[in-house]
C-alpha atoms as a PDB file:
ATOM      1  CA  MET A   1      -8.380  -2.245  -9.810  1.00  0.00           C
ATOM      2  CA  GLU A   2      -7.709  -3.753 -13.183  1.00  0.00           C
ATOM      3  CA  VAL A   3      -8.075  -7.532 -13.281  1.00  0.00           C
ATOM      4  CA  ILE A   4      -6.368  -9.678 -15.906  1.00  0.00           C
ATOM      5  CA  SER A   5      -5.956 -13.386 -16.517  1.00  0.00           C
ATOM      6  CA  PRO A   6      -2.654 -15.218 -16.008  1.00  0.00           C
ATOM      7  CA  THR A   7      -2.504 -15.853 -19.758  1.00  0.00           C
ATOM      8  CA  ASN A   8      -2.720 -12.131 -20.546  1.00  0.00           C
ATOM      9  CA  ALA A   9      -0.231 -11.386 -17.771  1.00  0.00           C
ATOM     10  CA  ARG A  10       2.270 -13.777 -19.341  1.00  0.00           C
ATOM     11  CA  LYS A  11       1.825 -12.137 -22.723  1.00  0.00           C
ATOM     12  CA  ASN A  12       2.339  -8.602 -21.415  1.00  0.00           C
ATOM     13  CA  LEU A  13       4.317  -8.795 -18.158  1.00  0.00           C
ATOM     14  CA  TYR A  14       6.634  -5.908 -19.051  1.00  0.00           C
ATOM     15  CA  GLY A  15       3.679  -3.688 -20.006  1.00  0.00           C
ATOM     16  CA  ILE A  16       1.901  -4.528 -16.747  1.00  0.00           C
ATOM     17  CA  ILE A  17       4.987  -3.627 -14.729  1.00  0.00           C
ATOM     18  CA  LYS A  18       5.351  -0.313 -16.561  1.00  0.00           C
ATOM     19  CA  HIS A  19       1.646   0.467 -16.035  1.00  0.00           C
ATOM     20  CA  VAL A  20       1.727  -0.356 -12.310  1.00  0.00           C
ATOM     21  CA  VAL A  21       4.831   1.748 -11.692  1.00  0.00           C
ATOM     22  CA  ALA A  22       3.783   4.703 -13.848  1.00  0.00           C
ATOM     23  CA  ASP A  23       0.213   4.964 -12.570  1.00  0.00           C
ATOM     24  CA  ASN A  24       0.678   3.673  -9.000  1.00  0.00           C
ATOM     25  CA  GLN A  25      -2.308   1.435  -9.679  1.00  0.00           C
ATOM     26  CA  PRO A  26      -2.237  -2.220  -8.647  1.00  0.00           C
ATOM     27  CA  VAL A  27      -3.215  -4.943 -11.102  1.00  0.00           C
ATOM     28  CA  GLU A  28      -4.840  -8.186 -10.027  1.00  0.00           C
ATOM     29  CA  ILE A  29      -3.892 -11.345 -11.871  1.00  0.00           C
ATOM     30  CA  SER A  30      -6.844 -13.608 -11.237  1.00  0.00           C
ATOM     31  CA  SER A  31      -7.419 -17.221 -12.091  1.00  0.00           C
ATOM     32  CA  MET A  32     -10.851 -17.730 -13.573  1.00  0.00           C
ATOM     33  CA  LYS A  33     -10.934 -21.256 -12.110  1.00  0.00           C
ATOM     34  CA  ASP A  34     -10.046 -20.485  -8.482  1.00  0.00           C
ATOM     35  CA  GLU A  35     -10.361 -17.071  -6.848  1.00  0.00           C
ATOM     36  CA  ASN A  36      -7.839 -18.145  -4.196  1.00  0.00           C
ATOM     37  CA  GLU A  37      -5.143 -18.316  -6.868  1.00  0.00           C
ATOM     38  CA  SER A  38      -5.085 -14.563  -7.450  1.00  0.00           C
ATOM     39  CA  VAL A  39      -2.189 -12.176  -6.879  1.00  0.00           C
ATOM     40  CA  VAL A  40      -1.879  -8.411  -6.865  1.00  0.00           C
ATOM     41  CA  VAL A  41       1.028  -6.643  -8.539  1.00  0.00           C
ATOM     42  CA  ILE A  42       1.990  -3.357  -6.877  1.00  0.00           C
ATOM     43  CA  SER A  43       4.946  -1.024  -7.302  1.00  0.00           C
ATOM     44  CA  LYS A  44       7.951  -1.280  -5.021  1.00  0.00           C
ATOM     45  CA  SER A  45       7.283   2.236  -3.688  1.00  0.00           C
ATOM     46  CA  ASP A  46       3.685   1.299  -2.807  1.00  0.00           C
ATOM     47  CA  TRP A  47       4.911  -1.888  -1.122  1.00  0.00           C
ATOM     48  CA  ASN A  48       7.443   0.106   0.914  1.00  0.00           C
ATOM     49  CA  ALA A  49       4.717   2.564   1.959  1.00  0.00           C
ATOM     50  CA  ILE A  50       2.475  -0.309   3.082  1.00  0.00           C
ATOM     51  CA  GLN A  51       5.321  -1.853   5.071  1.00  0.00           C
ATOM     52  CA  GLU A  52       6.125   1.480   6.742  1.00  0.00           C
ATOM     53  CA  THR A  53       2.470   2.034   7.652  1.00  0.00           C
ATOM     54  CA  MET A  54       2.232  -1.463   9.138  1.00  0.00           C
ATOM     55  CA  TYR A  55       5.401  -0.869  11.157  1.00  0.00           C
ATOM     56  CA  LEU A  56       4.113   2.459  12.490  1.00  0.00           C
ATOM     57  CA  GLN A  57       0.824   0.809  13.411  1.00  0.00           C
ATOM     58  CA  ASN A  58       2.576  -2.084  15.164  1.00  0.00           C
ATOM     59  CA  VAL A  59       4.756   0.192  17.319  1.00  0.00           C
ATOM     60  CA  GLY A  60       1.835   2.466  18.236  1.00  0.00           C
ATOM     61  CA  VAL A  61       2.875   5.626  16.402  1.00  0.00           C
ATOM     62  CA  LEU A  62      -0.380   5.895  14.454  1.00  0.00           C
ATOM     63  CA  ASP A  63      -2.378   5.712  17.693  1.00  0.00           C
ATOM     64  CA  LYS A  64      -0.303   8.543  19.158  1.00  0.00           C
ATOM     65  CA  ILE A  65      -0.820  10.668  16.059  1.00  0.00           C
ATOM     66  CA  LYS A  66      -4.566  10.000  16.213  1.00  0.00           C
ATOM     67  CA  HIS A  67      -4.535  11.037  19.877  1.00  0.00           C
ATOM     68  CA  TYR A  68      -2.817  14.330  19.013  1.00  0.00           C
ATOM     69  CA  GLU A  69      -5.267  14.956  16.165  1.00  0.00           C
ATOM     70  CA  ASP A  70      -8.211  14.510  18.546  1.00  0.00           C
ATOM     71  CA  GLU A  71      -6.867  16.951  21.131  1.00  0.00           C
ATOM     72  CA  GLU A  72      -8.022  20.463  20.356  1.00  0.00           C
ATOM     73  CA  THR A  73      -5.523  22.195  22.625  1.00  0.00           C
ATOM     74  CA  GLU A  74      -2.386  20.441  21.417  1.00  0.00           C
ATOM     75  CA  GLU A  75      -0.043  22.574  19.345  1.00  0.00           C
ATOM     76  CA  LEU A  76       1.788  20.664  16.642  1.00  0.00           C
ATOM     77  CA  GLY A  77       4.942  22.575  17.513  1.00  0.00           C
ATOM     78  CA  GLU A  78       4.825  21.088  21.026  1.00  0.00           C
ATOM     79  CA  ILE A  79       4.862  17.469  19.831  1.00  0.00           C
ATOM     80  CA  ASP A  80       8.192  15.727  20.266  1.00  0.00           C
ATOM     81  CA  TRP A  81       8.197  13.894  16.936  1.00  0.00           C
ATOM     82  CA  ASP A  82      11.408  12.044  17.782  1.00  0.00           C
ATOM     83  CA  THR A  83       9.768  10.219  20.686  1.00  0.00           C
ATOM     84  CA  LEU A  84       6.678   9.142  18.774  1.00  0.00           C
END
């Protein structure tokens, strides 16, 4: 992940946004004085994907999918995807 200073981020915010969206690569804006004052810039589509994954994990869907992947006899056509 690319890491830049807040000063450079201020100078080139539009370019950073274009880069993050075009390349789907996050950029960290990191304070050199305090590591706890860092942020990560990600695209809206990546953020939405993260939120969807967290939701699916929270409601147990990812565990069910993992269960089906581990079963050798399960046919994908037999899975009721609407009830996952």
